[in-house]
Amino acid sequence: MQREKNIFLKSTLILIISGFLTKILGFIIRIIYTRIIGEEGVALYSIATPTYSLLLTISSLAIPTAISKLIAEYHSESKRSMPLLTSSAAIILSINFVLIIIMLATSKFIANSLLQEPRSYPILIAMALTLPFVSISSIFKGYFYGKQNMVPHATSNIIEQIVRLIIINTVLPILMRHNVLIAVVGLVLLTIISEVSSIIVFFFFLPKKIIIKKRDLKPNFKTTKSILDISLPTVSSRIIGNIGYFFEPIILTNLLLYTGYSNAYILREYGIYNAYSLSLLTMPSFFIAAISMSIVPEISKYYVKRNMKMVKRRIKQGFLFALFIGFFFSIGIYIFRDNLLFTLYHTTAGSNYIKILAPIFVLFYLEGVVISALQALNCAKITMNISLIGVAIKLLVLAIFSLCHIGIYSLVISEIINIFFVVFTNLYFLKKVLT
């Protein structure tokens, strides 16, 4: 029991430390590229980001979570791990190929008709081309999560960010000499290099004595079914959330244009909201991600053994960590928002949005832990349904308030309502499952 507790704490600690270092590097990278490409470049990048988030969710299909859960439940050795990895790779690469074809055919329509920003067309194409590299990297992450070996993930994340920092700092200024659009497209495509470096790091951590048989290199139907049985309900929840995020700028842009706001205002304020306000508010998300990733294999393992005492203990520990971290950061960000924004981005733009959202984000930090706990308890369908209703409510509220001539504050209000609904509804069902 003590050994298992130590593994859990060690895994969480490694993820928190690596997450902290990765986040620091990420902030340095964000500071550098926002200063290089300026507000116009940030706005262009931000307007295409919701589409990218949706593509990333579909491209990985929550298969890393499925791999992690299966390995943790069945204590898979190399003989079971290899079919798991090859089947996952086959599914993911097939999905990625289809997504790239779809984006090549539809990106111009999305840019011109939905986002109302023709310049986002090449950015969307560039984003689609990065998908296979991000997805393959995520497979390895899922494998090592299941093994509760967080060192490969930590190492690959740090190396990836260092590589990204170097190439952005050296290549992006050169691209910016041409024009801002080329620089933003380059910023997206540079992701491929950093993801390849991450994949190479993972290869070094694979077991040296892993047995690879010829039949293991072919996708296995039974293994594929096991993966999809877990990943599809899980990814459905994420896809729903990302569909809402995808429609967010479309609804906001079109309705604000209808009510008399200029396209320049919408693009600038939406960019400020995402690149500055939300970026700062989600700063502690690496803590929450570490906790969420650590409790999934732990809860899955104990749930299979029907050890509900340990299941509840791990969930309680996750909640306490998340609430403490969320409260601490929310207060700090609220009080020092102007200083933080100016220090990081040389601007105080977005401070007004942070002032409203910061107190509410205490709940937002709890959301990931609650959802991870439900997914580990085989309740992914519950989280999916809650996400579906939450997204519908958010988009409806966004549409209504966008017509009230309050600008981007319509988005702020819809975000607050969504956080309240999703967190408290998930908590209600989690309590119901555990009793």
Protein backbone atom coordinates (compact mmCIF):
# COMPACT_ATOMS: atom_id res chain seq x y z
CA MET A 1 0.00 0.00 0.00
CA GLN A 2 2.82 2.39 0.95
CA ARG A 3 4.65 1.57 -2.28
CA GLU A 4 1.53 2.30 -4.38
CA LYS A 5 1.02 5.58 -2.53
CA ASN A 6 4.64 6.51 -3.23
CA ILE A 7 4.22 5.74 -6.93
CA PHE A 8 1.15 7.98 -7.10
CA LEU A 9 2.83 10.87 -5.27
CA LYS A 10 6.06 10.44 -7.24
CA SER A 11 4.18 10.41 -10.56
CA THR A 12 2.19 13.50 -9.61
CA LEU A 13 5.28 15.32 -8.36
CA ILE A 14 7.24 14.57 -11.55
CA LEU A 15 4.34 15.83 -13.69
CA ILE A 16 3.97 18.98 -11.58
CA ILE A 17 7.68 19.82 -11.74
CA SER A 18 7.93 19.08 -15.47
CA GLY A 19 4.66 20.90 -16.04
CA PHE A 20 6.01 23.92 -14.20
CA LEU A 21 9.21 23.95 -16.27
CA THR A 22 7.24 23.38 -19.47
CA LYS A 23 4.83 26.18 -18.58
CA ILE A 24 7.69 28.58 -17.85
CA LEU A 25 9.27 27.72 -21.20
CA GLY A 26 5.83 28.01 -22.82
CA PHE A 27 5.38 31.48 -21.38
CA ILE A 28 8.81 32.54 -22.60
CA ILE A 29 7.89 31.21 -26.05
CA ARG A 30 4.54 33.01 -25.97
CA ILE A 31 6.19 36.27 -24.89
CA ILE A 32 8.74 35.99 -27.70
CA TYR A 33 6.29 35.17 -30.49
CA THR A 34 3.64 37.69 -29.38
CA ARG A 35 6.27 40.42 -29.40
CA ILE A 36 7.59 39.31 -32.80
CA ILE A 37 4.25 38.93 -34.63
CA GLY A 38 2.46 41.73 -32.75
CA GLU A 39 -1.27 42.17 -32.02
CA GLU A 40 -2.23 41.55 -35.66
CA GLY A 41 -0.38 38.24 -35.76
CA VAL A 42 -1.77 37.19 -32.37
CA ALA A 43 -5.30 37.99 -33.57
CA LEU A 44 -4.83 35.92 -36.75
CA TYR A 45 -3.45 33.00 -34.74
CA SER A 46 -6.27 33.24 -32.19
CA ILE A 47 -9.08 33.29 -34.75
CA ALA A 48 -7.84 29.95 -36.18
CA THR A 49 -7.05 28.33 -32.81
CA PRO A 50 -10.59 27.00 -32.06
CA THR A 51 -10.55 25.09 -35.36
CA TYR A 52 -7.11 23.72 -34.50
CA SER A 53 -8.30 22.58 -31.07
CA LEU A 54 -11.17 20.68 -32.67
CA LEU A 55 -8.82 19.04 -35.18
CA LEU A 56 -6.36 18.01 -32.44
CA THR A 57 -9.14 16.42 -30.40
CA ILE A 58 -10.49 14.43 -33.35
CA SER A 59 -7.01 13.46 -34.57
CA SER A 60 -5.98 11.85 -31.27
CA LEU A 61 -9.48 10.42 -30.55
CA ALA A 62 -8.65 10.25 -26.80
CA ILE A 63 -6.63 7.12 -27.60
CA PRO A 64 -3.81 8.15 -25.19
CA THR A 65 -6.35 7.99 -22.34
CA ALA A 66 -7.52 4.57 -23.55
CA ILE A 67 -3.93 3.26 -23.72
CA SER A 68 -3.19 4.58 -20.23
CA LYS A 69 -6.34 2.99 -18.80
CA LEU A 70 -5.82 -0.42 -20.46
CA ILE A 71 -2.18 -0.73 -19.42
CA ALA A 72 -3.01 0.32 -15.85
CA GLU A 73 -5.94 -2.11 -15.57
CA TYR A 74 -4.31 -5.18 -17.04
CA HIS A 75 -0.69 -4.48 -16.11
CA SER A 76 0.26 -5.04 -19.75
CA GLU A 77 3.73 -6.35 -20.41
CA SER A 78 5.55 -5.91 -23.71
CA LYS A 79 3.59 -8.75 -25.33
CA ARG A 80 0.36 -6.79 -24.85
CA SER A 81 1.85 -3.32 -25.17
CA MET A 82 3.08 -3.67 -28.73
CA PRO A 83 -0.33 -4.63 -30.27
CA LEU A 84 -1.81 -1.78 -28.25
CA LEU A 85 0.65 0.72 -29.73
CA THR A 86 0.42 -0.56 -33.32
CA SER A 87 -3.38 -0.66 -33.29
CA SER A 88 -3.47 2.84 -31.85
CA ALA A 89 -1.05 4.13 -34.48
CA ALA A 90 -3.12 2.57 -37.29
CA ILE A 91 -6.34 4.21 -36.03
CA ILE A 92 -4.76 7.60 -35.47
CA LEU A 93 -2.86 7.79 -38.77
CA SER A 94 -5.99 6.82 -40.71
CA ILE A 95 -8.02 9.54 -38.97
CA ASN A 96 -5.26 12.10 -39.55
CA PHE A 97 -5.10 11.32 -43.26
CA VAL A 98 -8.85 11.86 -43.62
CA LEU A 99 -8.71 15.09 -41.59
CA ILE A 100 -5.96 16.55 -43.76
CA ILE A 101 -7.97 15.80 -46.93
CA ILE A 102 -11.07 17.38 -45.40
CA MET A 103 -9.16 20.51 -44.35
CA LEU A 104 -7.58 20.89 -47.79
CA ALA A 105 -11.08 20.87 -49.26
CA THR A 106 -12.87 23.06 -46.69
CA SER A 107 -10.31 25.51 -45.23
CA LYS A 108 -11.09 28.23 -47.76
CA PHE A 109 -14.81 28.06 -46.93
CA ILE A 110 -14.11 28.11 -43.17
CA ALA A 111 -11.79 31.10 -43.54
CA ASN A 112 -13.94 33.17 -45.90
CA SER A 113 -17.50 32.33 -44.90
CA LEU A 114 -17.36 31.23 -41.26
CA LEU A 115 -14.42 33.08 -39.69
CA GLN A 116 -14.84 36.09 -41.99
CA GLU A 117 -11.04 36.32 -42.26
CA PRO A 118 -9.58 35.17 -45.63
CA ARG A 119 -6.02 35.38 -44.30
CA SER A 120 -6.71 32.47 -41.92
CA TYR A 121 -6.88 30.06 -44.90
CA PRO A 122 -3.12 29.20 -45.11
CA ILE A 123 -2.95 29.09 -41.29
CA LEU A 124 -5.68 26.40 -41.21
CA ILE A 125 -3.84 24.36 -43.85
CA ALA A 126 -0.60 24.59 -41.85
CA MET A 127 -2.41 23.48 -38.69
CA ALA A 128 -3.82 20.41 -40.47
CA LEU A 129 -0.32 19.35 -41.57
CA THR A 130 0.93 19.23 -37.97
CA LEU A 131 -1.75 16.75 -36.82
CA PRO A 132 0.02 13.38 -37.47
CA PHE A 133 3.11 14.45 -35.54
CA VAL A 134 1.14 15.66 -32.50
CA SER A 135 -0.98 12.48 -32.54
CA ILE A 136 1.94 10.02 -32.68
CA SER A 137 3.58 11.83 -29.78
CA SER A 138 0.35 11.50 -27.78
CA ILE A 139 0.34 7.69 -28.23
CA PHE A 140 3.68 7.43 -26.45
CA LYS A 141 2.44 9.71 -23.69
CA GLY A 142 -0.55 7.41 -23.11
CA TYR A 143 1.73 4.35 -22.98
CA PHE A 144 4.02 5.80 -20.32
CA TYR A 145 1.08 7.22 -18.31
CA GLY A 146 -0.30 3.68 -18.05
CA LYS A 147 3.07 2.41 -16.86
CA GLN A 148 3.04 5.25 -14.31
CA ASN A 149 6.45 6.22 -15.62
CA MET A 150 6.26 10.00 -15.94
CA VAL A 151 9.97 10.63 -16.62
CA PRO A 152 9.69 10.12 -20.43
CA HIS A 153 6.73 12.50 -20.61
CA ALA A 154 8.51 15.08 -18.48
CA THR A 155 11.75 14.83 -20.48
CA SER A 156 10.04 14.95 -23.89
CA ASN A 157 7.95 17.98 -22.89
CA ILE A 158 10.97 19.95 -21.75
CA ILE A 159 13.06 18.99 -24.80
CA GLU A 160 10.14 19.84 -27.09
CA GLN A 161 9.76 23.30 -25.55
CA ILE A 162 13.50 23.99 -25.70
CA VAL A 163 13.60 23.06 -29.39
CA ARG A 164 10.50 25.19 -30.00
CA LEU A 165 12.06 28.13 -28.16
CA ILE A 166 15.26 27.95 -30.19
CA ILE A 167 13.60 27.71 -33.60
CA ILE A 168 11.00 30.40 -32.86
CA ASN A 169 13.66 32.77 -31.59
CA THR A 170 15.82 32.22 -34.67
CA VAL A 171 13.40 31.54 -37.54
CA LEU A 172 10.33 33.67 -36.70
CA PRO A 173 12.09 37.08 -36.96
CA ILE A 174 13.32 36.08 -40.44
CA LEU A 175 9.78 35.15 -41.54
CA MET A 176 8.40 38.37 -40.09
CA ARG A 177 10.60 40.36 -42.48
CA HIS A 178 8.34 39.13 -45.28
CA ASN A 179 4.92 39.71 -43.69
CA VAL A 180 2.86 38.84 -40.64
CA LEU A 181 0.85 36.07 -42.36
CA ILE A 182 3.98 34.16 -43.39
CA ALA A 183 5.26 34.50 -39.82
CA VAL A 184 2.06 33.05 -38.33
CA VAL A 185 2.04 30.15 -40.81
CA GLY A 186 5.70 29.52 -39.96
CA LEU A 187 4.89 29.60 -36.25
CA VAL A 188 2.36 26.80 -36.79
CA LEU A 189 4.58 24.67 -39.04
CA LEU A 190 7.51 24.91 -36.61
CA THR A 191 5.39 22.70 -34.33
CA ILE A 192 6.34 19.75 -36.57
CA ILE A 193 10.02 20.07 -35.68
CA SER A 194 9.35 20.28 -31.93
CA GLU A 195 6.95 17.29 -32.03
CA VAL A 196 9.50 15.18 -33.93
CA SER A 197 12.06 15.94 -31.22
CA SER A 198 9.50 14.78 -28.62
CA ILE A 199 8.89 11.49 -30.48
CA ILE A 200 12.64 10.82 -30.69
CA VAL A 201 12.95 11.27 -26.91
CA PHE A 202 10.14 8.74 -26.32
CA PHE A 203 11.94 6.14 -28.43
CA PHE A 204 14.93 6.30 -26.08
CA PHE A 205 12.70 5.40 -23.12
CA LEU A 206 10.98 2.37 -24.67
CA PRO A 207 11.98 -0.95 -23.02
CA LYS A 208 15.24 -2.21 -24.48
CA LYS A 209 14.08 -5.85 -24.30
CA ILE A 210 10.68 -5.25 -25.85
CA ILE A 211 9.68 -8.25 -27.95
CA ILE A 212 8.36 -7.30 -31.39
CA LYS A 213 6.70 -10.11 -33.31
CA LYS A 214 5.56 -9.86 -36.90
CA ARG A 215 1.90 -10.30 -35.97
CA ASP A 216 2.18 -7.42 -33.47
CA LEU A 217 2.92 -4.97 -36.29
CA LYS A 218 -0.55 -5.53 -37.74
CA PRO A 219 -3.59 -3.87 -36.14
CA ASN A 220 -5.40 -6.33 -33.91
CA PHE A 221 -9.22 -6.33 -34.07
CA LYS A 222 -9.75 -7.26 -30.41
CA THR A 223 -7.22 -4.67 -29.22
CA THR A 224 -8.67 -2.04 -31.54
CA LYS A 225 -12.15 -2.70 -30.14
CA SER A 226 -10.89 -2.38 -26.56
CA ILE A 227 -9.25 0.94 -27.42
CA LEU A 228 -12.31 2.35 -29.17
CA ASP A 229 -14.69 1.20 -26.41
CA ILE A 230 -12.84 3.53 -24.05
CA SER A 231 -11.71 6.29 -26.39
CA LEU A 232 -14.97 7.00 -28.25
CA PRO A 233 -17.10 7.95 -25.21
CA THR A 234 -14.15 9.89 -23.78
CA VAL A 235 -13.36 11.80 -26.96
CA SER A 236 -17.05 12.52 -27.58
CA SER A 237 -17.02 14.78 -24.53
CA ARG A 238 -13.90 16.58 -25.78
CA ILE A 239 -15.17 16.86 -29.34
CA ILE A 240 -18.40 18.42 -28.10
CA GLY A 241 -16.40 20.96 -26.11
CA ASN A 242 -14.19 21.72 -29.08
CA ILE A 243 -17.15 22.00 -31.45
CA GLY A 244 -18.45 24.68 -29.11
CA TYR A 245 -15.02 26.34 -29.18
CA PHE A 246 -15.01 26.05 -33.00
CA PHE A 247 -18.37 27.83 -33.30
CA GLU A 248 -17.47 30.41 -30.66
CA PRO A 249 -15.61 32.88 -32.96
CA ILE A 250 -18.06 32.18 -35.80
CA ILE A 251 -21.13 33.13 -33.72
CA LEU A 252 -19.31 35.99 -32.01
CA THR A 253 -17.92 37.49 -35.23
CA ASN A 254 -21.11 37.27 -37.26
CA LEU A 255 -23.44 38.56 -34.53
CA LEU A 256 -21.14 41.39 -33.45
CA LEU A 257 -20.78 42.43 -37.08
CA TYR A 258 -24.58 42.37 -37.31
CA THR A 259 -24.92 44.64 -34.27
CA GLY A 260 -22.50 47.20 -35.71
CA TYR A 261 -19.04 46.31 -34.40
CA SER A 262 -16.15 46.50 -36.87
CA ASN A 263 -14.21 43.43 -37.96
CA ALA A 264 -10.99 45.08 -36.72
CA TYR A 265 -12.46 45.52 -33.22
CA ILE A 266 -13.69 41.91 -33.06
CA LEU A 267 -10.39 40.46 -34.28
CA ARG A 268 -8.34 42.60 -31.87
CA GLU A 269 -10.49 42.02 -28.76
CA TYR A 270 -10.93 38.29 -29.42
CA GLY A 271 -7.16 38.03 -29.80
CA ILE A 272 -6.62 39.92 -26.52
CA TYR A 273 -9.17 37.74 -24.71
CA ASN A 274 -7.54 34.48 -25.83
CA ALA A 275 -3.86 35.38 -26.06
CA TYR A 276 -3.61 37.52 -22.92
CA SER A 277 -6.58 37.03 -20.56
CA LEU A 278 -7.22 33.29 -20.93
CA SER A 279 -3.51 32.59 -21.31
CA LEU A 280 -2.82 34.11 -17.90
CA LEU A 281 -5.87 32.55 -16.24
CA THR A 282 -4.95 29.06 -17.45
CA MET A 283 -1.35 29.44 -16.26
CA PRO A 284 -1.78 26.93 -13.38
CA SER A 285 -3.40 24.37 -15.69
CA PHE A 286 -0.18 22.32 -15.72
CA PHE A 287 -0.78 21.54 -12.02
CA ILE A 288 -4.33 20.42 -12.76
CA ALA A 289 -3.23 18.42 -15.82
CA ALA A 290 -0.60 16.64 -13.70
CA ILE A 291 -3.15 15.71 -11.05
CA SER A 292 -5.74 14.64 -13.65
CA MET A 293 -3.26 12.46 -15.54
CA SER A 294 -1.95 10.84 -12.36
CA ILE A 295 -5.34 9.87 -10.91
CA VAL A 296 -6.69 8.15 -14.06
CA PRO A 297 -4.47 5.01 -13.88
CA GLU A 298 -4.69 5.04 -10.06
CA ILE A 299 -8.49 5.17 -9.91
CA SER A 300 -8.80 2.67 -12.79
CA LYS A 301 -6.50 0.22 -11.01
CA TYR A 302 -8.39 0.35 -7.71
CA TYR A 303 -11.81 0.41 -9.35
CA VAL A 304 -11.08 -2.85 -11.18
CA LYS A 305 -10.10 -4.38 -7.80
CA ARG A 306 -13.34 -2.93 -6.31
CA ASN A 307 -11.26 -1.11 -3.70
CA MET A 308 -13.65 1.84 -3.31
CA LYS A 309 -11.87 3.13 -0.22
CA MET A 310 -8.72 3.84 -2.25
CA VAL A 311 -10.76 5.18 -5.17
CA LYS A 312 -12.41 7.77 -2.88
CA ARG A 313 -9.08 8.60 -1.26
CA ARG A 314 -7.40 9.33 -4.61
CA ILE A 315 -10.35 11.45 -5.74
CA LYS A 316 -10.33 13.39 -2.47
CA GLN A 317 -6.59 13.99 -2.79
CA GLY A 318 -7.05 15.22 -6.35
CA PHE A 319 -9.83 17.61 -5.28
CA LEU A 320 -7.84 19.06 -2.39
CA PHE A 321 -4.78 19.67 -4.58
CA ALA A 322 -6.89 21.28 -7.32
CA LEU A 323 -8.86 23.52 -4.95
CA PHE A 324 -5.76 24.70 -3.09
CA ILE A 325 -3.84 25.45 -6.28
CA GLY A 326 -6.88 27.03 -7.96
CA PHE A 327 -7.64 29.33 -5.01
CA PHE A 328 -4.00 30.40 -4.63
CA PHE A 329 -3.53 31.23 -8.31
CA SER A 330 -6.94 32.87 -8.78
CA ILE A 331 -6.30 35.32 -5.94
CA GLY A 332 -2.77 36.03 -7.15
CA ILE A 333 -3.81 36.60 -10.76
CA TYR A 334 -6.73 38.82 -9.69
CA ILE A 335 -4.56 41.06 -7.49
CA PHE A 336 -1.49 41.28 -9.75
CA ARG A 337 -3.19 41.02 -13.16
CA ASP A 338 -1.87 44.34 -14.54
CA ASN A 339 1.69 43.68 -13.36
CA LEU A 340 1.62 40.14 -14.74
CA LEU A 341 0.24 41.22 -18.11
CA PHE A 342 2.77 44.02 -18.49
CA THR A 343 5.70 41.87 -17.37
CA LEU A 344 4.78 39.03 -19.71
CA TYR A 345 3.31 40.79 -22.73
CA HIS A 346 4.25 44.49 -22.36
CA THR A 347 0.55 45.39 -22.27
CA THR A 348 -2.33 45.56 -19.81
CA ALA A 349 -4.91 44.72 -22.49
CA GLY A 350 -7.27 42.03 -21.22
CA SER A 351 -7.06 43.10 -17.56
CA ASN A 352 -10.79 43.98 -17.56
CA TYR A 353 -11.71 40.42 -18.61
CA ILE A 354 -9.41 38.85 -16.00
CA LYS A 355 -11.01 40.95 -13.24
CA ILE A 356 -14.35 39.27 -13.90
CA LEU A 357 -13.15 35.74 -14.68
CA ALA A 358 -10.40 35.18 -12.07
CA PRO A 359 -12.70 34.44 -9.08
CA ILE A 360 -14.72 31.96 -11.19
CA PHE A 361 -11.61 30.09 -12.36
CA VAL A 362 -11.27 28.44 -8.95
CA LEU A 363 -14.03 26.14 -10.21
CA PHE A 364 -12.47 25.82 -13.67
CA TYR A 365 -9.32 24.30 -12.14
CA LEU A 366 -11.48 21.66 -10.47
CA GLU A 367 -13.18 20.67 -13.74
CA GLY A 368 -10.34 18.53 -15.15
CA VAL A 369 -10.01 16.46 -11.97
CA VAL A 370 -13.77 15.78 -11.75
CA ILE A 371 -14.00 14.72 -15.40
CA SER A 372 -10.87 12.51 -15.16
CA ALA A 373 -12.32 10.78 -12.09
CA LEU A 374 -15.61 10.04 -13.87
CA GLN A 375 -13.79 8.74 -16.95
CA ALA A 376 -11.64 6.44 -14.79
CA LEU A 377 -14.88 5.11 -13.24
CA ASN A 378 -16.19 4.19 -16.73
CA CYS A 379 -18.60 7.14 -16.75
CA ALA A 380 -17.31 8.85 -19.89
CA LYS A 381 -20.84 8.90 -21.34
CA ILE A 382 -22.01 11.00 -18.41
CA THR A 383 -19.26 13.59 -18.98
CA MET A 384 -20.09 13.55 -22.70
CA ASN A 385 -23.77 14.36 -22.08
CA ILE A 386 -22.89 17.10 -19.59
CA SER A 387 -20.43 18.61 -22.09
CA LEU A 388 -23.08 18.52 -24.81
CA ILE A 389 -25.62 20.38 -22.69
CA GLY A 390 -22.96 22.78 -21.39
CA VAL A 391 -21.82 23.68 -24.90
CA ALA A 392 -25.41 24.21 -26.07
CA ILE A 393 -26.05 26.52 -23.10
CA LYS A 394 -22.80 28.42 -23.68
CA LEU A 395 -23.46 29.02 -27.39
CA LEU A 396 -27.06 30.04 -26.72
CA VAL A 397 -26.00 32.51 -24.03
CA LEU A 398 -23.22 33.79 -26.31
CA ALA A 399 -25.69 34.37 -29.14
CA ILE A 400 -28.21 36.17 -26.91
CA PHE A 401 -25.69 38.47 -25.24
CA SER A 402 -23.86 39.17 -28.52
CA LEU A 403 -27.05 40.93 -29.63
CA CYS A 404 -27.05 43.10 -26.47
CA HIS A 405 -24.22 45.34 -27.69
CA ILE A 406 -21.76 44.47 -24.89
CA GLY A 407 -18.93 43.32 -27.18
CA ILE A 408 -16.61 40.55 -25.96
CA TYR A 409 -18.30 40.58 -22.56
CA SER A 410 -20.94 38.33 -24.13
CA LEU A 411 -18.18 35.70 -24.38
CA VAL A 412 -17.09 36.31 -20.78
CA ILE A 413 -20.65 35.78 -19.48
CA SER A 414 -21.14 32.60 -21.52
CA GLU A 415 -17.80 31.24 -20.19
CA ILE A 416 -18.86 31.82 -16.58
CA ILE A 417 -22.23 30.11 -17.03
CA ASN A 418 -20.57 27.14 -18.76
CA ILE A 419 -18.02 26.67 -15.95
CA PHE A 420 -20.73 26.69 -13.27
CA PHE A 421 -22.94 24.23 -15.12
CA VAL A 422 -20.24 21.73 -16.13
CA VAL A 423 -18.43 21.60 -12.76
CA PHE A 424 -21.47 21.32 -10.51
CA THR A 425 -23.28 18.84 -12.74
CA ASN A 426 -20.21 16.58 -12.95
CA LEU A 427 -19.77 16.81 -9.18
CA TYR A 428 -23.39 15.77 -8.68
CA PHE A 429 -22.97 12.64 -10.82
CA LEU A 430 -19.59 11.76 -9.31
CA LYS A 431 -21.14 11.82 -5.84
CA LYS A 432 -23.98 9.66 -7.16
CA VAL A 433 -21.55 7.08 -8.62
CA LEU A 434 -19.53 6.86 -5.42
CA THR A 435 -22.50 6.34 -3.09
